[in-house]
Protein backbone atom coordinates (compact mmCIF):
# COMPACT_ATOMS: atom_id res chain seq x y z
CA MET A 1 63.16 67.11 71.32
CA ARG A 2 63.46 70.88 69.75
CA GLY A 3 61.61 71.82 72.96
CA LYS A 4 63.65 70.83 75.51
CA LEU A 5 66.60 72.22 73.46
CA ILE A 6 64.93 75.37 73.57
CA VAL A 7 64.50 74.94 77.79
CA ALA A 8 67.75 74.41 78.10
CA ALA A 9 69.28 77.23 76.18
CA ILE A 10 66.93 79.57 78.26
CA PHE A 11 68.23 77.89 81.32
CA VAL A 12 71.98 78.58 80.03
CA GLN A 13 71.19 81.79 79.75
CA VAL A 14 69.73 82.72 82.97
CA LEU A 15 72.44 80.72 84.20
CA ILE A 16 75.34 82.88 82.69
CA LEU A 17 73.32 86.30 83.59
CA GLY A 18 73.06 85.26 87.31
CA TRP A 19 77.24 84.28 87.36
CA MET A 20 77.71 87.69 86.02
CA ALA A 21 75.18 89.60 88.15
CA GLY A 22 76.62 87.25 91.36
CA GLU A 23 80.57 88.35 90.24
CA ARG A 24 79.51 91.84 90.23
CA GLU A 25 77.88 91.76 93.91
CA TRP A 26 80.71 90.16 95.32
CA ILE A 27 83.05 92.37 93.86
CA VAL A 28 81.46 95.12 95.48
CA ARG A 29 80.88 93.22 98.78
CA THR A 30 85.00 92.03 98.86
CA ALA A 31 86.77 93.91 96.26
CA PRO A 32 89.07 96.63 96.90
CA ALA A 33 87.77 100.28 95.82
CA VAL A 34 90.04 103.33 94.49
CA TRP A 35 88.67 106.93 93.47
CA LEU A 36 88.54 107.75 89.57
CA ARG A 37 88.60 111.07 88.26
CA THR A 38 85.88 112.14 85.70
CA ALA A 39 84.04 114.58 83.96
CA PRO A 40 80.42 113.69 82.67
CA VAL A 41 79.25 114.43 79.36
CA ASP A 42 75.47 112.77 79.14
CA PRO A 43 72.61 113.93 80.94
CA ARG A 44 69.56 111.85 80.43
CA ASP A 45 67.99 108.32 79.94
CA LEU A 46 64.55 108.70 78.67
CA PHE A 47 63.88 104.98 79.96
CA ARG A 48 65.68 104.33 82.83
CA GLY A 49 65.69 108.14 84.45
CA ASP A 50 68.60 110.31 84.99
CA TYR A 51 72.16 108.89 84.20
CA VAL A 52 75.36 110.23 83.20
CA THR A 53 77.88 108.87 80.55
CA LEU A 54 81.30 108.88 81.64
CA GLY A 55 84.73 109.92 80.45
CA TYR A 56 87.65 108.90 82.73
CA GLU A 57 90.97 110.92 82.94
CA ILE A 58 92.12 107.14 82.71
CA SER A 59 90.93 106.64 79.42
CA THR A 60 94.00 108.41 78.44
CA ILE A 61 97.29 106.25 78.41
CA PRO A 62 100.31 108.48 77.50
CA ALA A 63 102.98 106.57 75.79
CA ALA A 64 105.42 107.02 78.45
CA LYS A 65 102.95 104.35 80.26
CA PHE A 66 102.83 101.89 77.32
CA GLY A 67 104.58 98.21 78.18
CA PRO A 68 106.44 95.98 76.45
CA GLY A 69 103.91 94.08 74.82
CA LEU A 70 101.81 97.68 74.01
CA LYS A 71 104.79 99.00 72.22
CA HIS A 72 105.15 95.36 70.50
CA LEU A 73 101.83 95.82 69.01
CA LEU A 74 101.82 99.44 67.98
CA ALA A 75 105.02 99.24 66.13
CA GLU A 76 103.96 96.34 64.49
CA GLN A 77 100.59 97.85 63.18
CA SER A 78 102.00 100.77 62.31
CA GLY A 79 104.02 99.17 59.56
CA LYS A 80 101.31 97.00 57.93
CA ASP A 81 100.12 100.25 55.95
CA ALA A 82 97.54 98.95 53.88
CA ASP A 83 96.11 96.14 56.39
CA TYR A 84 96.97 98.63 59.45
CA HIS A 85 93.10 100.30 58.86
CA HIS A 86 91.08 96.86 58.74
CA SER A 87 93.59 95.61 61.84
CA SER A 88 93.07 98.80 63.96
CA ARG A 89 89.36 98.14 64.30
CA ARG A 90 89.98 94.74 65.94
CA GLU A 91 89.09 95.71 69.98
CA THR A 92 92.01 95.11 71.90
CA VAL A 93 92.19 94.31 75.70
CA LEU A 94 94.45 96.69 77.96
CA TYR A 95 95.60 95.76 81.83
CA VAL A 96 96.07 99.07 83.19
CA THR A 97 97.77 99.18 86.30
CA LEU A 98 96.72 101.56 88.56
CA ALA A 99 98.98 104.30 90.98
CA ILE A 100 96.51 105.13 93.98
CA ASP A 101 97.44 108.13 96.19
CA PRO A 102 97.09 106.64 100.33
CA ALA A 103 95.58 109.95 101.61
CA THR A 104 93.21 110.56 98.75
CA GLY A 105 92.44 107.14 97.30
CA LEU A 106 92.45 108.40 93.60
CA ALA A 107 93.51 106.20 91.17
CA SER A 108 95.63 107.33 88.22
CA VAL A 109 97.75 105.24 85.38
CA ALA A 110 100.59 103.82 86.36
CA ALA A 111 101.65 101.07 82.76
CA ALA A 112 99.52 99.72 80.73
CA ASP A 113 100.25 96.12 78.84
CA LEU A 114 98.73 93.02 77.13
CA THR A 115 98.91 90.85 79.75
CA PRO A 116 98.04 91.53 83.68
CA PRO A 117 101.14 92.75 85.98
CA ALA A 118 102.86 90.07 88.28
CA ALA A 119 101.43 92.81 91.45
CA GLY A 120 99.22 95.38 92.26
CA VAL A 121 95.79 96.80 91.99
CA PHE A 122 94.91 96.70 87.67
CA ILE A 123 91.57 97.28 85.98
CA THR A 124 90.64 95.68 82.18
CA GLY A 125 90.14 98.01 79.88
CA ARG A 126 89.33 97.82 75.89
CA VAL A 127 90.30 100.33 72.82
CA ARG A 128 89.91 100.13 69.61
CA PHE A 129 92.88 101.75 67.64
CA TYR A 130 91.67 103.83 64.56
CA GLY A 131 94.07 105.90 61.59
CA GLN A 132 97.51 105.75 62.58
CA SER A 133 99.44 104.16 65.25
CA PRO A 134 99.50 106.76 68.06
CA THR A 135 102.72 107.16 69.29
CA THR A 136 101.69 110.29 72.11
CA ALA A 137 98.54 108.36 73.72
CA ILE A 138 96.34 105.88 73.74
CA THR A 139 92.68 107.71 73.76
CA ARG A 140 89.00 106.48 74.43
CA VAL A 141 90.36 103.15 76.71
CA THR A 142 86.53 101.91 77.99
CA TYR A 143 86.49 100.03 81.29
CA GLY A 144 82.84 98.58 81.06
CA ILE A 145 81.86 101.92 84.21
CA ASP A 146 80.66 104.61 81.27
CA ALA A 147 77.24 104.63 82.42
CA TYR A 148 76.18 105.97 85.81
CA TYR A 149 72.23 105.67 86.83
CA ILE A 150 71.06 108.40 89.56
CA GLN A 151 68.15 110.47 91.06
CA GLN A 152 66.01 111.38 88.95
CA GLY A 153 66.12 114.91 88.13
CA SER A 154 70.02 115.58 88.78
CA GLY A 155 71.63 114.52 85.55
CA ARG A 156 71.55 118.33 84.36
CA GLU A 157 73.94 118.98 88.11
CA PHE A 158 76.21 116.53 86.72
CA GLU A 159 76.50 117.54 83.28
CA ARG A 160 77.63 121.12 84.85
CA ARG A 161 79.76 119.18 87.31
CA ASN A 162 78.30 121.57 89.33
CA PRO A 163 77.13 120.16 92.55
CA ALA A 164 75.42 123.59 94.03
CA GLY A 165 73.72 124.30 90.86
CA LEU A 166 75.39 127.89 90.42
CA GLU A 167 75.75 129.63 86.50
CA ASP A 168 78.89 130.82 86.41
CA GLY A 169 80.20 128.64 84.50
CA SER A 170 81.83 126.74 87.70
CA GLN A 171 83.19 123.16 87.11
CA VAL A 172 83.65 120.95 89.71
CA PRO A 173 85.84 117.57 88.72
CA ILE A 174 83.60 114.37 90.43
CA GLU A 175 85.22 111.12 91.36
CA MET A 176 83.87 107.78 90.81
CA ARG A 177 84.02 105.30 93.86
CA VAL A 178 85.18 101.65 91.92
CA ALA A 179 85.52 98.17 93.20
CA ILE A 180 87.51 96.40 91.69
CA GLY A 181 88.32 92.60 90.95
CA ARG A 182 90.93 90.28 90.78
CA ASN A 183 90.76 89.94 87.23
CA GLY A 184 90.33 93.80 86.84
CA THR A 185 86.43 93.63 86.04
CA ALA A 186 85.44 97.42 87.63
CA VAL A 187 81.93 98.07 89.54
CA LEU A 188 80.80 101.40 90.18
CA THR A 189 79.79 101.91 93.61
CA GLY A 190 79.00 105.46 94.09
CA HIS A 191 80.42 109.25 93.50
CA ARG A 192 81.94 112.12 95.46
CA TRP A 193 82.56 115.81 94.54
CA ARG A 194 85.75 117.48 94.88
CA ALA A 195 85.84 120.72 97.31
CA LEU A 196 87.01 123.13 94.62
CA GLY A 197 85.72 124.17 91.39
CA ILE A 198 87.08 126.66 88.82
CA ALA A 199 85.64 129.26 86.02
CA THR A 200 87.19 130.42 82.85
CA LYS A 201 85.62 133.89 81.33
CA ILE A 202 86.96 135.87 78.75
CA GLU A 203 86.48 139.28 79.45
CA ALA A 204 86.53 142.84 77.41
CA GLY A 205 89.03 145.17 78.52
CA SER A 206 92.53 145.67 78.96
CA MET A 207 94.44 144.67 82.74
CA PRO A 208 95.82 147.46 84.65
CA GLY A 209 99.49 147.91 83.98
CA ALA A 210 99.90 145.82 81.03
CA PRO A 211 98.76 148.71 78.47
CA GLN A 212 99.68 146.36 75.71
CA SER A 213 97.44 143.81 76.58
CA GLY A 214 94.96 144.90 74.03
CA ASN A 215 90.78 144.41 74.79
CA LYS A 216 90.80 141.26 76.13
CA MET A 217 91.58 139.24 79.22
CA ILE A 218 91.55 135.93 80.92
CA ARG A 219 89.14 135.86 83.96
CA VAL A 220 90.47 132.82 86.51
CA THR A 221 88.07 131.97 89.39
CA LEU A 222 88.57 128.95 92.13
CA ARG A 223 85.32 128.65 94.00
CA ASN A 224 84.90 126.64 97.49
CA PHE A 225 81.83 124.12 97.14
CA SER A 226 82.30 122.55 100.74
CA SER A 227 81.76 123.28 103.93
CA ALA A 228 85.05 124.08 105.43
CA PRO A 229 87.83 127.09 104.86
CA GLN A 230 89.64 125.67 101.79
CA ALA A 231 93.65 127.55 100.36
CA VAL A 232 94.94 127.82 97.17
CA VAL A 233 98.05 129.10 95.93
CA LEU A 234 97.91 131.96 93.81
CA PRO A 235 101.42 134.12 93.56
CA ALA A 236 102.05 137.00 91.91
CA ASP A 237 103.24 135.37 89.04
CA LEU A 238 100.43 132.81 88.38
CA ARG A 239 102.89 129.61 88.44
CA THR A 240 100.11 127.68 89.66
CA LEU A 241 97.73 128.34 86.85
CA HIS A 242 99.38 126.83 83.31
CA ILE A 243 98.09 126.73 80.37
CA GLU A 244 97.10 123.33 77.89
CA ARG A 245 96.72 123.31 74.12
CA MET A 246 93.74 120.74 73.77
CA ALA A 247 94.40 117.51 71.64
CA GLY A 248 92.29 114.97 70.38
CA GLY A 249 88.71 114.58 70.63
CA ASN A 250 88.35 113.58 74.31
CA GLY A 251 89.80 116.69 75.98
CA GLU A 252 93.23 115.43 76.52
CA GLY A 253 95.77 118.85 77.45
CA ILE A 254 99.45 119.29 76.51
CA TYR A 255 101.18 121.50 78.83
CA ALA A 256 101.93 124.11 75.96
CA GLU A 257 103.95 127.13 77.88
CA PRO A 258 107.40 127.43 78.11
CA PRO A 259 109.62 126.36 81.87
CA ARG A 260 109.62 128.67 84.19
CA THR A 261 112.95 128.59 85.98
CA ASN A 262 114.72 130.52 89.27
CA LEU A 263 111.42 131.05 90.51
CA PRO A 264 111.48 132.29 93.99
CA ASP A 265 110.28 129.80 97.11
CA LEU A 266 106.42 130.48 98.07
CA THR A 267 105.52 132.80 101.19
CA ASP A 268 102.56 133.09 103.41
CA SER A 269 101.06 136.03 100.94
CA ASP A 270 101.07 134.17 98.35
CA VAL A 271 98.20 131.36 99.79
CA ARG A 272 94.68 132.33 99.55
CA VAL A 273 92.03 130.95 102.16
CA ILE A 274 88.35 130.97 100.76
CA PRO A 275 85.99 130.12 103.03
CA PRO A 276 82.99 127.78 102.43
CA GLU A 277 80.59 129.10 99.08
CA GLY A 278 83.34 132.15 98.68
CA SER A 279 85.74 132.51 95.69
CA VAL A 280 88.37 134.27 94.40
CA THR A 281 89.16 135.34 91.64
CA VAL A 282 92.31 136.20 89.43
CA ASP A 283 92.92 137.90 85.55
CA ILE A 284 95.67 136.44 83.26
CA ASP A 285 97.03 138.80 80.24
CA PRO A 286 97.04 136.58 76.91
CA ALA A 287 99.43 138.76 76.08
CA LEU A 288 101.89 138.32 78.56
CA ARG A 289 101.48 134.48 78.84
CA LEU A 290 103.48 132.61 76.36
CA VAL A 291 102.71 129.51 74.45
CA LYS A 292 104.52 126.92 72.02
CA PRO A 293 101.52 126.19 69.22
CA GLY A 294 101.45 122.58 67.81
CA ASP A 295 105.37 122.34 66.64
CA ALA A 296 106.12 125.42 66.92
CA LYS A 297 110.08 126.18 67.75
CA ASP A 298 109.42 129.39 69.57
CA PRO A 299 106.82 130.47 72.07
CA VAL A 300 104.18 133.52 71.34
CA PRO A 301 102.17 135.58 73.07
CA LEU A 302 98.58 133.46 73.79
CA ALA A 303 97.19 136.35 72.76
CA GLY A 304 99.02 136.74 68.98
CA LEU A 305 97.31 133.27 68.01
CA LYS A 306 94.10 135.01 66.56
CA SER A 307 93.89 132.92 63.62
CA ASP A 308 94.27 129.09 64.55
CA TYR A 309 91.34 128.64 66.20
CA GLN A 310 93.26 125.94 68.58
CA SER A 311 91.40 125.64 72.24
CA TYR A 312 93.11 126.12 75.18
CA ARG A 313 92.37 125.22 78.82
CA ILE A 314 93.08 127.12 82.02
CA VAL A 315 94.56 124.65 84.28
CA TYR A 316 94.88 125.30 88.59
CA GLU A 317 97.92 122.84 89.70
CA ALA A 318 98.79 122.97 93.41
CA PRO A 319 102.05 122.70 94.68
CA ALA A 320 103.73 119.72 96.10
CA ALA A 321 103.13 119.60 99.54
CA ALA A 322 106.67 119.72 100.13
CA ALA A 323 106.64 122.72 98.53
CA CYS A 324 104.00 124.62 100.97
CA ARG A 325 105.50 122.72 104.49
CA GLN A 326 106.73 126.12 105.44
CA LEU A 327 103.44 127.60 105.28
CA ARG A 328 101.01 129.13 107.57
CA GLU A 329 97.97 127.51 105.86
CA ALA A 330 99.61 124.39 105.06
CA ALA A 331 97.26 122.00 106.36
CA ARG A 332 94.26 123.74 104.23
CA ILE A 333 95.77 123.29 100.65
CA THR A 334 94.51 121.06 98.42
CA HIS A 335 96.80 119.45 96.90
CA GLU A 336 94.92 118.92 93.25
CA THR A 337 94.70 119.51 89.57
CA LEU A 338 91.66 121.65 88.60
CA PRO A 339 90.89 122.06 84.40
CA GLY A 340 88.98 124.71 83.24
CA ARG A 341 86.85 125.07 80.14
CA GLN A 342 87.97 124.82 76.80
CA PHE A 343 88.39 128.37 74.87
CA SER A 344 89.82 129.05 71.54
CA THR A 345 91.71 131.73 70.38
CA TYR A 346 88.80 133.21 68.45
CA GLU A 347 87.93 134.03 71.50
CA LEU A 348 90.44 136.65 72.80
CA SER A 349 90.29 138.18 69.21
CA ARG A 350 86.46 138.60 68.56
């Protein structure tokens, strides 16, 4: 009798594993696919060949996207005080509705709640809340697609986010193709590199025409990794290069510059066409670019933050298509956001 029970238990386990494998294969063959932007972190699995551990942009959900059920849960947990730290360690299932760009297939968070949406594509995620109840964003949401196995020997290439193997620190966004079933289950089916990459360096030397700039400048290089010319928008005021202050442990950025107003319309002279394997470089004076550190009331020069050791990054954000419609090279402009590497204010002062 005992032997029959063991055989039955093994048979049930095999059935469950077979059903899971069959479900995923069915999703791959029949479910709609979207693209998710990601940044890989871990380059190698010594037992199963090269792989990368992936952290997705949709793993951070801003408070503006919280649904009513999720808001109620967080408000309830934040009021538990002594019991909160225990209860917050429980895993919470989230149903994240995706907004999909029809031109690129790239998906972003439209809403997140504790119940599936009535319509639209959604992905099922899980998160554990630690510390205080999040008020600005939920971070580290996982979707069961955090490991991607690739051809042996190419893990380092993913780690650098640099398909061409350049050593200048260029970072190229990687997007993962994900099939999503009706219940929100996600399965990785492939990847692609974006056309443009970005490199950020802190260089010694004052900038011409800015004697107060001190002895450091921020050099930003946009590089074309594709086989076709790409156009970027870089006006003299560098409005498309903004500064983000880094917050949290997973790399989300918070816009740190005061708003700019009364900016002139874009002209053809503001556009740079980058040939294949080419690049364009501009310099930012940290003494002239203002930011608001933390909860500070007034903006201050980035170069003046020599002792706060806060991390920042430069982000290239192309204007919307409507703002570029009149430009001669409008068809070549890639309307995307490119975050550069993090740097600390200490780098600007040493």
